[in-house]
């Protein structure tokens, strides 16, 4: 009985309110999406991590369902090109069962130290550059090659040859390997912003 009363109150509040333009809403991923496997048209499921309130009244409680779709997915390239993922949010379902269409834009994403971030101009999530990590990997392999060459030849010449071989192996490893993918795991949070008011009626 109490849950019915709460749903009735939420429905009444929603009928007389709207979500204003500029409202920020934190969403949490229900399923996982990765640019290695994601394809255009794949569904994305989220829930509101926080309630949406207007003038002190909650019009959409936390855990309201949000559905979207992958509108663009680009896998990371071997030599150039960062992974990129675009999601188009389409509707939100309240506890009352009422469904509202909306299309907020992405503002930020929980990167989980992965380097991925939202490119606000394109409304897409892009993976960060790996140039620093690539250079570090080449340097480590070059240093290892120099050590091995110096020990084997017992000379600076051997160390130089070993460093060159190590650098070549490091460069080949970097060029043949792909960069990081955009990875939105279950539980990842996205901050979205409403571009226009959404009437809840």
N, C-alpha and C. Protein backbone atom coordinates (compact mmCIF):
# COMPACT_ATOMS: atom_id res chain seq x y z
N UNK A 1 0.83 -1.20 0.00
CA UNK A 1 0.00 0.00 0.00
C UNK A 1 0.87 1.26 0.00
N UNK A 2 1.93 1.21 0.83
CA UNK A 2 2.81 2.38 0.92
C UNK A 2 3.52 2.64 -0.40
N UNK A 3 4.02 1.56 -1.06
CA UNK A 3 4.72 1.73 -2.34
C UNK A 3 3.78 2.29 -3.40
N UNK A 4 2.51 1.89 -3.35
CA UNK A 4 1.53 2.41 -4.29
C UNK A 4 1.33 3.90 -4.06
N UNK A 5 1.27 4.31 -2.78
CA UNK A 5 1.08 5.72 -2.43
C UNK A 5 2.27 6.55 -2.90
N UNK A 6 3.51 6.02 -2.70
CA UNK A 6 4.72 6.73 -3.14
C UNK A 6 4.72 6.91 -4.65
N UNK A 7 4.38 5.82 -5.38
CA UNK A 7 4.33 5.89 -6.84
C UNK A 7 3.29 6.89 -7.30
N UNK A 8 2.14 6.94 -6.58
CA UNK A 8 1.08 7.87 -6.92
C UNK A 8 1.53 9.31 -6.73
N UNK A 9 2.24 9.57 -5.63
CA UNK A 9 2.76 10.91 -5.35
C UNK A 9 3.78 11.33 -6.41
N UNK A 10 4.67 10.38 -6.78
CA UNK A 10 5.68 10.69 -7.80
C UNK A 10 5.02 10.98 -9.14
N UNK A 11 3.98 10.22 -9.45
CA UNK A 11 3.27 10.43 -10.71
C UNK A 11 2.59 11.79 -10.71
N UNK A 12 2.02 12.17 -9.58
CA UNK A 12 1.35 13.47 -9.48
C UNK A 12 2.35 14.62 -9.61
N UNK A 13 3.53 14.43 -8.97
CA UNK A 13 4.56 15.48 -9.05
C UNK A 13 5.09 15.60 -10.46
N UNK A 14 5.29 14.44 -11.12
CA UNK A 14 5.83 14.44 -12.47
C UNK A 14 4.87 15.09 -13.45
N UNK A 15 3.57 14.90 -13.21
CA UNK A 15 2.57 15.43 -14.13
C UNK A 15 2.56 16.95 -14.14
N UNK A 16 3.03 17.55 -13.05
CA UNK A 16 2.95 19.01 -12.95
C UNK A 16 4.32 19.67 -13.05
N UNK A 17 5.34 18.91 -13.45
CA UNK A 17 6.69 19.47 -13.44
C UNK A 17 7.40 19.21 -14.75
N UNK A 18 8.55 19.82 -14.86
CA UNK A 18 9.43 19.56 -15.98
C UNK A 18 10.86 19.63 -15.49
N UNK A 19 11.73 18.92 -16.18
CA UNK A 19 13.16 18.96 -15.86
C UNK A 19 13.74 20.16 -16.61
N UNK A 20 14.25 21.16 -15.89
CA UNK A 20 14.70 22.39 -16.56
C UNK A 20 15.95 22.16 -17.43
N UNK A 21 16.11 23.02 -18.40
CA UNK A 21 17.33 23.02 -19.22
C UNK A 21 18.53 23.30 -18.32
N UNK A 22 19.63 22.60 -18.57
CA UNK A 22 20.85 22.78 -17.78
C UNK A 22 20.96 21.87 -16.59
N UNK A 23 19.92 21.06 -16.33
CA UNK A 23 19.95 20.14 -15.20
C UNK A 23 20.99 19.04 -15.43
N UNK A 24 21.82 18.78 -14.41
CA UNK A 24 22.80 17.69 -14.46
C UNK A 24 22.20 16.46 -13.78
N UNK A 25 22.42 15.31 -14.40
CA UNK A 25 21.95 14.05 -13.82
C UNK A 25 23.08 13.03 -13.90
N UNK A 26 23.32 12.34 -12.79
CA UNK A 26 24.35 11.31 -12.75
C UNK A 26 23.72 9.96 -13.05
N UNK A 27 24.24 9.28 -14.08
CA UNK A 27 23.73 7.98 -14.49
C UNK A 27 24.78 6.90 -14.22
N UNK A 28 24.31 5.69 -13.95
CA UNK A 28 25.22 4.56 -13.70
C UNK A 28 24.94 3.44 -14.71
N UNK A 29 25.99 2.93 -15.33
CA UNK A 29 25.85 1.87 -16.33
C UNK A 29 25.31 0.58 -15.69
N UNK A 30 24.31 -0.03 -16.35
CA UNK A 30 23.78 -1.32 -15.92
C UNK A 30 24.48 -2.45 -16.68
N UNK A 31 24.68 -2.26 -17.98
CA UNK A 31 25.45 -3.24 -18.76
C UNK A 31 26.81 -2.65 -19.09
N UNK A 32 27.67 -3.41 -19.72
CA UNK A 32 29.01 -2.94 -20.08
C UNK A 32 29.12 -2.77 -21.59
N UNK A 33 29.86 -1.74 -22.00
CA UNK A 33 30.08 -1.45 -23.42
C UNK A 33 31.57 -1.21 -23.64
N UNK A 34 32.13 -1.82 -24.68
CA UNK A 34 33.55 -1.66 -25.00
C UNK A 34 33.67 -1.48 -26.51
N UNK A 35 34.53 -0.55 -26.94
CA UNK A 35 34.66 -0.27 -28.36
C UNK A 35 35.24 -1.44 -29.16
N UNK A 36 35.78 -2.42 -28.48
CA UNK A 36 36.30 -3.60 -29.18
C UNK A 36 35.17 -4.44 -29.76
N UNK A 37 34.01 -4.43 -29.08
CA UNK A 37 32.90 -5.27 -29.50
C UNK A 37 31.62 -4.49 -29.82
N UNK A 38 31.53 -3.25 -29.34
CA UNK A 38 30.29 -2.47 -29.53
C UNK A 38 30.04 -2.15 -30.99
N UNK A 39 28.78 -2.18 -31.38
CA UNK A 39 28.39 -1.84 -32.74
C UNK A 39 27.26 -0.81 -32.71
N UNK A 40 27.17 -0.04 -33.76
CA UNK A 40 26.10 0.95 -33.88
C UNK A 40 24.75 0.25 -33.77
N UNK A 41 23.88 0.77 -32.90
CA UNK A 41 22.56 0.18 -32.71
C UNK A 41 22.45 -0.67 -31.46
N UNK A 42 23.59 -0.99 -30.81
CA UNK A 42 23.55 -1.76 -29.57
C UNK A 42 22.86 -0.93 -28.48
N UNK A 43 22.04 -1.59 -27.67
CA UNK A 43 21.35 -0.88 -26.60
C UNK A 43 22.26 -0.68 -25.39
N UNK A 44 22.04 0.44 -24.72
CA UNK A 44 22.77 0.77 -23.50
C UNK A 44 21.74 0.99 -22.40
N UNK A 45 21.96 0.38 -21.25
CA UNK A 45 21.02 0.49 -20.14
C UNK A 45 21.71 1.13 -18.94
N UNK A 46 21.03 2.12 -18.36
CA UNK A 46 21.58 2.83 -17.22
C UNK A 46 20.47 3.07 -16.19
N UNK A 47 20.88 3.54 -15.02
CA UNK A 47 19.93 3.98 -14.00
C UNK A 47 20.41 5.31 -13.43
N UNK A 48 19.46 6.11 -12.98
CA UNK A 48 19.85 7.37 -12.34
C UNK A 48 20.51 7.05 -11.01
N UNK A 49 21.71 7.59 -10.81
CA UNK A 49 22.45 7.34 -9.57
C UNK A 49 21.98 8.26 -8.45
N UNK A 50 21.34 9.36 -8.83
CA UNK A 50 20.81 10.32 -7.87
C UNK A 50 19.41 10.73 -8.32
N UNK A 51 18.55 11.14 -7.39
CA UNK A 51 17.21 11.59 -7.80
C UNK A 51 17.27 12.93 -8.52
N UNK A 52 16.25 13.19 -9.32
CA UNK A 52 16.12 14.49 -9.99
C UNK A 52 15.03 15.26 -9.26
N UNK A 53 15.40 16.40 -8.74
CA UNK A 53 14.41 17.20 -8.01
C UNK A 53 14.22 18.56 -8.66
N UNK A 54 13.00 19.07 -8.63
CA UNK A 54 12.65 20.38 -9.17
C UNK A 54 11.92 21.15 -8.08
N UNK A 55 12.46 22.30 -7.69
CA UNK A 55 11.87 23.13 -6.64
C UNK A 55 11.62 22.33 -5.35
N UNK A 56 12.59 21.47 -5.02
CA UNK A 56 12.50 20.70 -3.78
C UNK A 56 11.64 19.46 -3.87
N UNK A 57 11.06 19.19 -5.02
CA UNK A 57 10.22 18.00 -5.20
C UNK A 57 10.92 17.00 -6.11
N UNK A 58 11.00 15.76 -5.67
CA UNK A 58 11.63 14.72 -6.48
C UNK A 58 10.67 14.31 -7.60
N UNK A 59 11.10 14.53 -8.83
CA UNK A 59 10.27 14.18 -9.99
C UNK A 59 10.73 12.88 -10.64
N UNK A 60 11.97 12.47 -10.36
CA UNK A 60 12.49 11.20 -10.85
C UNK A 60 13.41 10.63 -9.78
N UNK A 61 13.01 9.55 -9.12
CA UNK A 61 13.82 9.00 -8.03
C UNK A 61 15.09 8.33 -8.54
N UNK A 62 16.03 8.12 -7.64
CA UNK A 62 17.22 7.35 -7.98
C UNK A 62 16.79 5.95 -8.41
N UNK A 63 17.58 5.34 -9.26
CA UNK A 63 17.30 4.01 -9.81
C UNK A 63 16.23 4.00 -10.90
N UNK A 64 15.85 5.19 -11.40
CA UNK A 64 14.96 5.23 -12.57
C UNK A 64 15.73 4.70 -13.78
N UNK A 65 15.04 3.95 -14.63
CA UNK A 65 15.70 3.34 -15.78
C UNK A 65 15.90 4.35 -16.90
N UNK A 66 17.07 4.25 -17.55
CA UNK A 66 17.38 5.08 -18.72
C UNK A 66 17.88 4.15 -19.82
N UNK A 67 17.38 4.37 -21.01
CA UNK A 67 17.80 3.55 -22.14
C UNK A 67 18.41 4.42 -23.22
N UNK A 68 19.48 3.91 -23.81
CA UNK A 68 20.13 4.62 -24.90
C UNK A 68 20.58 3.63 -25.96
N UNK A 69 21.30 4.15 -26.94
CA UNK A 69 21.78 3.30 -28.03
C UNK A 69 23.15 3.79 -28.48
N UNK A 70 23.99 2.87 -28.90
CA UNK A 70 25.31 3.24 -29.43
C UNK A 70 25.10 3.85 -30.81
N UNK A 71 25.50 5.11 -30.98
CA UNK A 71 25.34 5.77 -32.27
C UNK A 71 26.62 5.76 -33.10
N UNK A 72 27.76 5.50 -32.44
CA UNK A 72 29.04 5.43 -33.14
C UNK A 72 30.04 4.69 -32.27
N UNK A 73 30.80 3.78 -32.88
CA UNK A 73 31.83 3.04 -32.15
C UNK A 73 33.04 2.85 -33.06
N UNK A 74 34.20 3.28 -32.56
CA UNK A 74 35.43 3.16 -33.34
C UNK A 74 36.50 2.51 -32.48
N UNK A 75 37.01 1.38 -32.96
CA UNK A 75 38.04 0.65 -32.21
C UNK A 75 39.36 1.38 -32.32
N UNK A 76 40.21 1.21 -31.33
CA UNK A 76 41.53 1.82 -31.34
C UNK A 76 42.37 1.28 -32.50
N UNK A 77 43.13 2.15 -33.16
CA UNK A 77 43.96 1.73 -34.29
C UNK A 77 45.29 1.16 -33.84
N UNK A 78 45.98 0.50 -34.75
CA UNK A 78 47.29 -0.09 -34.43
C UNK A 78 48.38 0.97 -34.40
N UNK A 79 48.37 1.88 -35.38
CA UNK A 79 49.41 2.91 -35.44
C UNK A 79 48.86 4.26 -35.00
N UNK A 80 47.67 4.59 -35.47
CA UNK A 80 47.08 5.89 -35.14
C UNK A 80 45.57 5.72 -34.98
N UNK A 81 44.99 6.66 -34.27
CA UNK A 81 43.54 6.64 -34.08
C UNK A 81 43.15 6.11 -32.71
N UNK A 82 42.53 6.98 -31.94
CA UNK A 82 42.09 6.59 -30.60
C UNK A 82 40.67 6.04 -30.64
N UNK A 83 40.39 5.15 -29.71
CA UNK A 83 39.05 4.57 -29.61
C UNK A 83 38.05 5.67 -29.30
N UNK A 84 36.83 5.50 -29.83
CA UNK A 84 35.80 6.53 -29.67
C UNK A 84 34.42 5.88 -29.60
N UNK A 85 33.60 6.37 -28.69
CA UNK A 85 32.26 5.81 -28.51
C UNK A 85 31.26 6.94 -28.29
N UNK A 86 30.15 6.90 -29.05
CA UNK A 86 29.07 7.87 -28.87
C UNK A 86 27.80 7.13 -28.46
N UNK A 87 27.11 7.67 -27.47
CA UNK A 87 25.87 7.08 -26.98
C UNK A 87 24.76 8.12 -27.09
N UNK A 88 23.63 7.73 -27.66
CA UNK A 88 22.46 8.61 -27.73
C UNK A 88 21.43 8.12 -26.71
N UNK A 89 21.20 8.91 -25.68
CA UNK A 89 20.20 8.57 -24.67
C UNK A 89 18.82 8.90 -25.21
N UNK A 90 17.86 8.00 -24.99
CA UNK A 90 16.56 8.16 -25.65
C UNK A 90 15.37 8.29 -24.72
N UNK A 91 15.33 7.54 -23.63
CA UNK A 91 14.16 7.65 -22.76
C UNK A 91 14.47 7.26 -21.32
N UNK A 92 13.60 7.71 -20.44
CA UNK A 92 13.71 7.42 -19.00
C UNK A 92 12.37 6.90 -18.50
N UNK A 93 12.41 5.85 -17.68
CA UNK A 93 11.20 5.25 -17.13
C UNK A 93 11.16 5.47 -15.63
N UNK A 94 10.09 6.11 -15.16
CA UNK A 94 9.93 6.39 -13.73
C UNK A 94 9.33 5.18 -13.00
N UNK A 95 9.30 5.28 -11.67
CA UNK A 95 8.77 4.18 -10.85
C UNK A 95 7.30 3.92 -11.16
N UNK A 96 6.59 4.95 -11.61
CA UNK A 96 5.17 4.81 -11.93
C UNK A 96 4.94 4.03 -13.23
N UNK A 97 6.02 3.82 -13.98
CA UNK A 97 5.90 3.15 -15.27
C UNK A 97 5.82 4.11 -16.44
N UNK A 98 5.72 5.40 -16.14
CA UNK A 98 5.64 6.42 -17.18
C UNK A 98 6.99 6.55 -17.89
N UNK A 99 6.96 6.60 -19.22
CA UNK A 99 8.18 6.70 -20.02
C UNK A 99 8.25 8.07 -20.68
N UNK A 100 9.41 8.71 -20.57
CA UNK A 100 9.61 10.04 -21.15
C UNK A 100 10.78 10.00 -22.12
N UNK A 101 10.60 10.61 -23.28
CA UNK A 101 11.69 10.72 -24.24
C UNK A 101 12.56 11.93 -23.87
N UNK A 102 13.85 11.76 -23.99
CA UNK A 102 14.77 12.87 -23.72
C UNK A 102 16.08 12.59 -24.46
N UNK A 103 16.90 13.64 -24.58
CA UNK A 103 18.18 13.47 -25.29
C UNK A 103 19.23 14.42 -24.71
N UNK A 104 19.62 14.19 -23.45
CA UNK A 104 20.67 15.03 -22.85
C UNK A 104 22.02 14.73 -23.48
N UNK A 105 22.97 15.64 -23.34
CA UNK A 105 24.31 15.38 -23.87
C UNK A 105 25.25 14.97 -22.75
N UNK A 106 26.30 14.25 -23.11
CA UNK A 106 27.29 13.80 -22.13
C UNK A 106 28.15 14.97 -21.68
N UNK A 107 28.40 15.02 -20.37
CA UNK A 107 29.23 16.08 -19.82
C UNK A 107 30.58 15.53 -19.35
N UNK A 108 30.55 14.40 -18.64
CA UNK A 108 31.79 13.79 -18.17
C UNK A 108 31.56 12.31 -17.92
N UNK A 109 32.66 11.57 -17.78
CA UNK A 109 32.59 10.13 -17.56
C UNK A 109 33.62 9.75 -16.49
N UNK A 110 33.27 8.76 -15.69
CA UNK A 110 34.20 8.23 -14.70
C UNK A 110 35.28 7.46 -15.46
N UNK A 111 36.51 7.97 -15.46
CA UNK A 111 37.56 7.39 -16.30
C UNK A 111 38.20 6.15 -15.70
N UNK A 112 38.07 5.96 -14.38
CA UNK A 112 38.70 4.81 -13.71
C UNK A 112 40.20 4.72 -14.04
N UNK A 113 40.87 5.88 -14.10
CA UNK A 113 42.30 5.97 -14.41
C UNK A 113 42.66 5.43 -15.79
N UNK A 114 41.67 5.37 -16.69
CA UNK A 114 41.93 4.82 -18.02
C UNK A 114 42.32 5.90 -19.02
N UNK A 115 42.07 7.15 -18.69
CA UNK A 115 42.39 8.24 -19.61
C UNK A 115 41.24 8.62 -20.52
N UNK A 116 40.14 7.87 -20.49
CA UNK A 116 39.02 8.19 -21.37
C UNK A 116 38.27 9.41 -20.84
N UNK A 117 37.78 10.23 -21.76
CA UNK A 117 37.07 11.43 -21.36
C UNK A 117 36.09 11.84 -22.45
N UNK A 118 35.16 12.72 -22.08
CA UNK A 118 34.14 13.18 -23.02
C UNK A 118 34.67 14.35 -23.84
N UNK A 119 34.54 14.24 -25.15
CA UNK A 119 34.82 15.37 -26.05
C UNK A 119 33.49 16.09 -26.22
N UNK A 120 33.29 17.15 -25.47
CA UNK A 120 31.97 17.80 -25.40
C UNK A 120 31.49 18.32 -26.76
N UNK A 121 32.41 18.75 -27.61
CA UNK A 121 31.99 19.27 -28.92
C UNK A 121 31.35 18.19 -29.78
N UNK A 122 31.81 16.94 -29.59
CA UNK A 122 31.32 15.85 -30.41
C UNK A 122 30.38 14.93 -29.65
N UNK A 123 30.18 15.20 -28.35
CA UNK A 123 29.32 14.36 -27.51
C UNK A 123 29.75 12.90 -27.58
N UNK A 124 31.07 12.69 -27.58
CA UNK A 124 31.62 11.33 -27.69
C UNK A 124 32.64 11.10 -26.58
N UNK A 125 32.80 9.83 -26.20
CA UNK A 125 33.81 9.46 -25.22
C UNK A 125 35.02 8.95 -25.99
N UNK A 126 36.18 9.56 -25.76
CA UNK A 126 37.40 9.16 -26.46
C UNK A 126 38.45 8.68 -25.46
N UNK A 127 39.25 7.74 -25.92
CA UNK A 127 40.35 7.25 -25.10
C UNK A 127 41.51 8.23 -25.19
N UNK A 128 42.22 8.38 -24.10
CA UNK A 128 43.34 9.31 -24.07
C UNK A 128 44.53 8.79 -24.87
N UNK A 129 45.50 9.67 -25.14
CA UNK A 129 46.70 9.30 -25.89
C UNK A 129 47.58 8.38 -25.06
N UNK A 130 48.28 7.45 -25.74
CA UNK A 130 49.19 6.52 -25.06
C UNK A 130 50.64 6.80 -25.43
N UNK A 131 50.92 8.00 -25.97
CA UNK A 131 52.28 8.30 -26.42
C UNK A 131 53.31 8.19 -25.30
N UNK A 132 52.96 8.68 -24.12
CA UNK A 132 53.88 8.60 -22.99
C UNK A 132 54.18 7.17 -22.61
N UNK A 133 53.17 6.32 -22.56
CA UNK A 133 53.34 4.92 -22.22
C UNK A 133 54.14 4.19 -23.30
N UNK A 134 53.88 4.55 -24.58
CA UNK A 134 54.61 3.92 -25.68
C UNK A 134 56.10 4.23 -25.58
N UNK A 135 56.43 5.51 -25.32
CA UNK A 135 57.84 5.90 -25.21
C UNK A 135 58.51 5.19 -24.04
N UNK A 136 57.79 5.05 -22.94
CA UNK A 136 58.33 4.36 -21.77
C UNK A 136 58.62 2.90 -22.09
N UNK A 137 57.71 2.25 -22.82
CA UNK A 137 57.90 0.84 -23.17
C UNK A 137 59.11 0.67 -24.08
N UNK A 138 59.27 1.57 -25.06
CA UNK A 138 60.43 1.50 -25.96
C UNK A 138 61.72 1.70 -25.17
N UNK A 139 61.72 2.66 -24.23
CA UNK A 139 62.91 2.94 -23.42
C UNK A 139 63.29 1.75 -22.55
N UNK A 140 62.29 1.09 -21.97
CA UNK A 140 62.56 -0.07 -21.11
C UNK A 140 63.18 -1.20 -21.93
N UNK A 141 62.62 -1.47 -23.11
CA UNK A 141 63.15 -2.54 -23.95
C UNK A 141 64.54 -2.19 -24.49
N UNK A 142 64.75 -0.90 -24.78
CA UNK A 142 66.07 -0.48 -25.25
C UNK A 142 67.10 -0.66 -24.14
N UNK A 143 66.73 -0.29 -22.91
CA UNK A 143 67.64 -0.46 -21.77
C UNK A 143 67.96 -1.92 -21.53
N UNK A 144 66.94 -2.77 -21.64
CA UNK A 144 67.15 -4.20 -21.47
C UNK A 144 68.06 -4.75 -22.55
N UNK A 145 67.89 -4.29 -23.78
CA UNK A 145 68.73 -4.73 -24.89
C UNK A 145 70.17 -4.31 -24.69
N UNK A 146 70.38 -3.10 -24.18
CA UNK A 146 71.73 -2.60 -23.94
C UNK A 146 72.44 -3.44 -22.89
N UNK A 147 71.73 -3.80 -21.85
CA UNK A 147 72.31 -4.61 -20.78
C UNK A 147 72.72 -5.98 -21.31
N UNK A 148 71.83 -6.60 -22.06
CA UNK A 148 72.12 -7.92 -22.61
C UNK A 148 73.27 -7.86 -23.60
N UNK A 149 73.27 -6.82 -24.47
CA UNK A 149 74.34 -6.67 -25.46
C UNK A 149 75.68 -6.43 -24.79
N UNK A 150 75.70 -5.61 -23.73
CA UNK A 150 76.94 -5.32 -23.02
C UNK A 150 77.50 -6.55 -22.34
N UNK A 151 76.63 -7.35 -21.75
CA UNK A 151 77.08 -8.57 -21.07
C UNK A 151 77.60 -9.58 -22.08
N UNK A 152 76.89 -9.73 -23.20
CA UNK A 152 77.26 -10.73 -24.20
C UNK A 152 78.58 -10.38 -24.88
N UNK A 153 78.77 -9.07 -25.19
CA UNK A 153 79.96 -8.66 -25.96
C UNK A 153 81.04 -8.07 -25.07
N UNK A 154 80.68 -7.76 -23.83
CA UNK A 154 81.61 -7.14 -22.87
C UNK A 154 82.24 -5.87 -23.42
N UNK A 155 81.41 -5.05 -24.10
CA UNK A 155 81.93 -3.79 -24.64
C UNK A 155 80.78 -2.80 -24.81
N UNK A 156 81.19 -1.52 -25.00
CA UNK A 156 80.18 -0.50 -25.25
C UNK A 156 79.52 -0.71 -26.61
N UNK A 157 80.28 -1.30 -27.55
CA UNK A 157 79.74 -1.57 -28.86
C UNK A 157 78.58 -2.56 -28.76
N UNK A 158 78.79 -3.58 -27.95
CA UNK A 158 77.74 -4.58 -27.75
C UNK A 158 76.52 -3.96 -27.10
N UNK A 159 76.77 -3.05 -26.15
CA UNK A 159 75.65 -2.37 -25.49
C UNK A 159 74.87 -1.52 -26.47
N UNK A 160 75.60 -0.86 -27.39
CA UNK A 160 74.93 -0.03 -28.40
C UNK A 160 74.09 -0.85 -29.34
N UNK A 161 74.63 -1.99 -29.77
CA UNK A 161 73.88 -2.88 -30.66
C UNK A 161 72.64 -3.42 -29.93
N UNK A 162 72.85 -3.80 -28.68
CA UNK A 162 71.73 -4.32 -27.89
C UNK A 162 70.65 -3.28 -27.69
N UNK A 163 71.06 -2.03 -27.47
CA UNK A 163 70.08 -0.95 -27.29
C UNK A 163 69.29 -0.73 -28.58
N UNK A 164 70.00 -0.80 -29.73
CA UNK A 164 69.32 -0.63 -31.01
C UNK A 164 68.31 -1.73 -31.26
N UNK A 165 68.71 -2.96 -30.96
CA UNK A 165 67.80 -4.09 -31.12
C UNK A 165 66.61 -3.95 -30.18
N UNK A 166 66.89 -3.57 -28.93
CA UNK A 166 65.82 -3.39 -27.95
C UNK A 166 64.84 -2.31 -28.38
N UNK A 167 65.38 -1.20 -28.92
CA UNK A 167 64.50 -0.12 -29.40
C UNK A 167 63.65 -0.59 -30.56
N UNK A 168 64.27 -1.36 -31.46
CA UNK A 168 63.51 -1.88 -32.60
C UNK A 168 62.39 -2.80 -32.16
N UNK A 169 62.69 -3.66 -31.20
CA UNK A 169 61.66 -4.57 -30.68
C UNK A 169 60.55 -3.77 -30.00
N UNK A 170 60.95 -2.74 -29.24
CA UNK A 170 59.96 -1.90 -28.54
C UNK A 170 59.07 -1.17 -29.52
N UNK A 171 59.68 -0.61 -30.59
CA UNK A 171 58.91 0.11 -31.59
C UNK A 171 57.95 -0.83 -32.31
N UNK A 172 58.43 -2.02 -32.65
CA UNK A 172 57.57 -3.00 -33.32
C UNK A 172 56.41 -3.41 -32.42
N UNK A 173 56.70 -3.57 -31.14
CA UNK A 173 55.65 -3.95 -30.19
C UNK A 173 54.57 -2.88 -30.12
N UNK A 174 55.00 -1.62 -30.10
CA UNK A 174 54.05 -0.50 -30.03
C UNK A 174 53.22 -0.42 -31.30
N UNK A 175 53.88 -0.56 -32.46
CA UNK A 175 53.18 -0.41 -33.74
C UNK A 175 52.23 -1.56 -34.01
N UNK A 176 52.59 -2.76 -33.56
CA UNK A 176 51.74 -3.92 -33.81
C UNK A 176 50.59 -4.04 -32.81
N UNK A 177 50.75 -3.42 -31.66
CA UNK A 177 49.70 -3.48 -30.64
C UNK A 177 48.70 -2.35 -30.80
N UNK A 178 47.48 -2.59 -30.37
CA UNK A 178 46.46 -1.55 -30.40
C UNK A 178 46.49 -0.74 -29.11
N UNK A 179 45.95 0.48 -29.18
CA UNK A 179 45.83 1.31 -27.98
C UNK A 179 44.68 0.83 -27.12
N UNK A 180 44.43 1.55 -26.05
CA UNK A 180 43.34 1.19 -25.14
C UNK A 180 41.99 1.46 -25.79
N UNK A 181 41.01 0.67 -25.39
CA UNK A 181 39.65 0.85 -25.87
C UNK A 181 38.85 1.71 -24.88
N UNK A 182 37.79 2.35 -25.35
CA UNK A 182 36.84 2.98 -24.44
C UNK A 182 36.07 1.84 -23.78
N UNK A 183 36.07 1.83 -22.47
CA UNK A 183 35.48 0.71 -21.73
C UNK A 183 34.55 1.26 -20.65
N UNK A 184 33.25 1.17 -20.89
CA UNK A 184 32.26 1.60 -19.90
C UNK A 184 31.73 0.35 -19.21
N UNK A 185 32.33 0.04 -18.08
CA UNK A 185 31.94 -1.17 -17.36
C UNK A 185 30.70 -0.94 -16.52
N UNK A 186 30.08 -2.03 -16.13
CA UNK A 186 28.91 -1.95 -15.26
C UNK A 186 29.30 -1.18 -14.00
N UNK A 187 28.49 -0.18 -13.65
CA UNK A 187 28.78 0.65 -12.48
C UNK A 187 29.47 1.96 -12.81
N UNK A 188 30.01 2.11 -14.04
CA UNK A 188 30.64 3.37 -14.45
C UNK A 188 29.59 4.48 -14.46
N UNK A 189 29.97 5.66 -13.98
CA UNK A 189 29.02 6.76 -13.92
C UNK A 189 29.27 7.78 -15.05
N UNK A 190 28.17 8.31 -15.55
CA UNK A 190 28.20 9.35 -16.59
C UNK A 190 27.40 10.54 -16.10
N UNK A 191 27.94 11.73 -16.28
CA UNK A 191 27.21 12.95 -15.95
C UNK A 191 26.62 13.49 -17.25
N UNK A 192 25.31 13.69 -17.28
CA UNK A 192 24.66 14.22 -18.48
C UNK A 192 23.95 15.53 -18.16
N UNK A 193 23.76 16.35 -19.19
CA UNK A 193 23.13 17.66 -19.03
C UNK A 193 21.97 17.77 -20.01
N UNK A 194 20.83 18.28 -19.53
CA UNK A 194 19.66 18.47 -20.39
C UNK A 194 19.82 19.74 -21.21
N UNK A 195 19.77 19.59 -22.53
CA UNK A 195 19.92 20.74 -23.44
C UNK A 195 18.65 21.57 -23.53
N UNK A 196 17.53 20.94 -23.23
CA UNK A 196 16.23 21.63 -23.31
C UNK A 196 15.33 21.08 -22.20
N UNK A 197 14.32 21.83 -21.81
CA UNK A 197 13.42 21.34 -20.76
C UNK A 197 12.67 20.08 -21.23
N UNK A 198 12.41 19.18 -20.27
CA UNK A 198 11.65 17.97 -20.56
C UNK A 198 10.40 17.97 -19.70
N UNK A 199 9.25 18.08 -20.33
CA UNK A 199 7.98 18.09 -19.59
C UNK A 199 7.64 16.68 -19.11
N UNK A 200 7.35 16.55 -17.83
CA UNK A 200 6.98 15.24 -17.26
C UNK A 200 5.47 15.23 -17.07
N UNK A 201 4.78 14.91 -18.16
CA UNK A 201 3.32 14.91 -18.09
C UNK A 201 2.75 13.85 -19.01
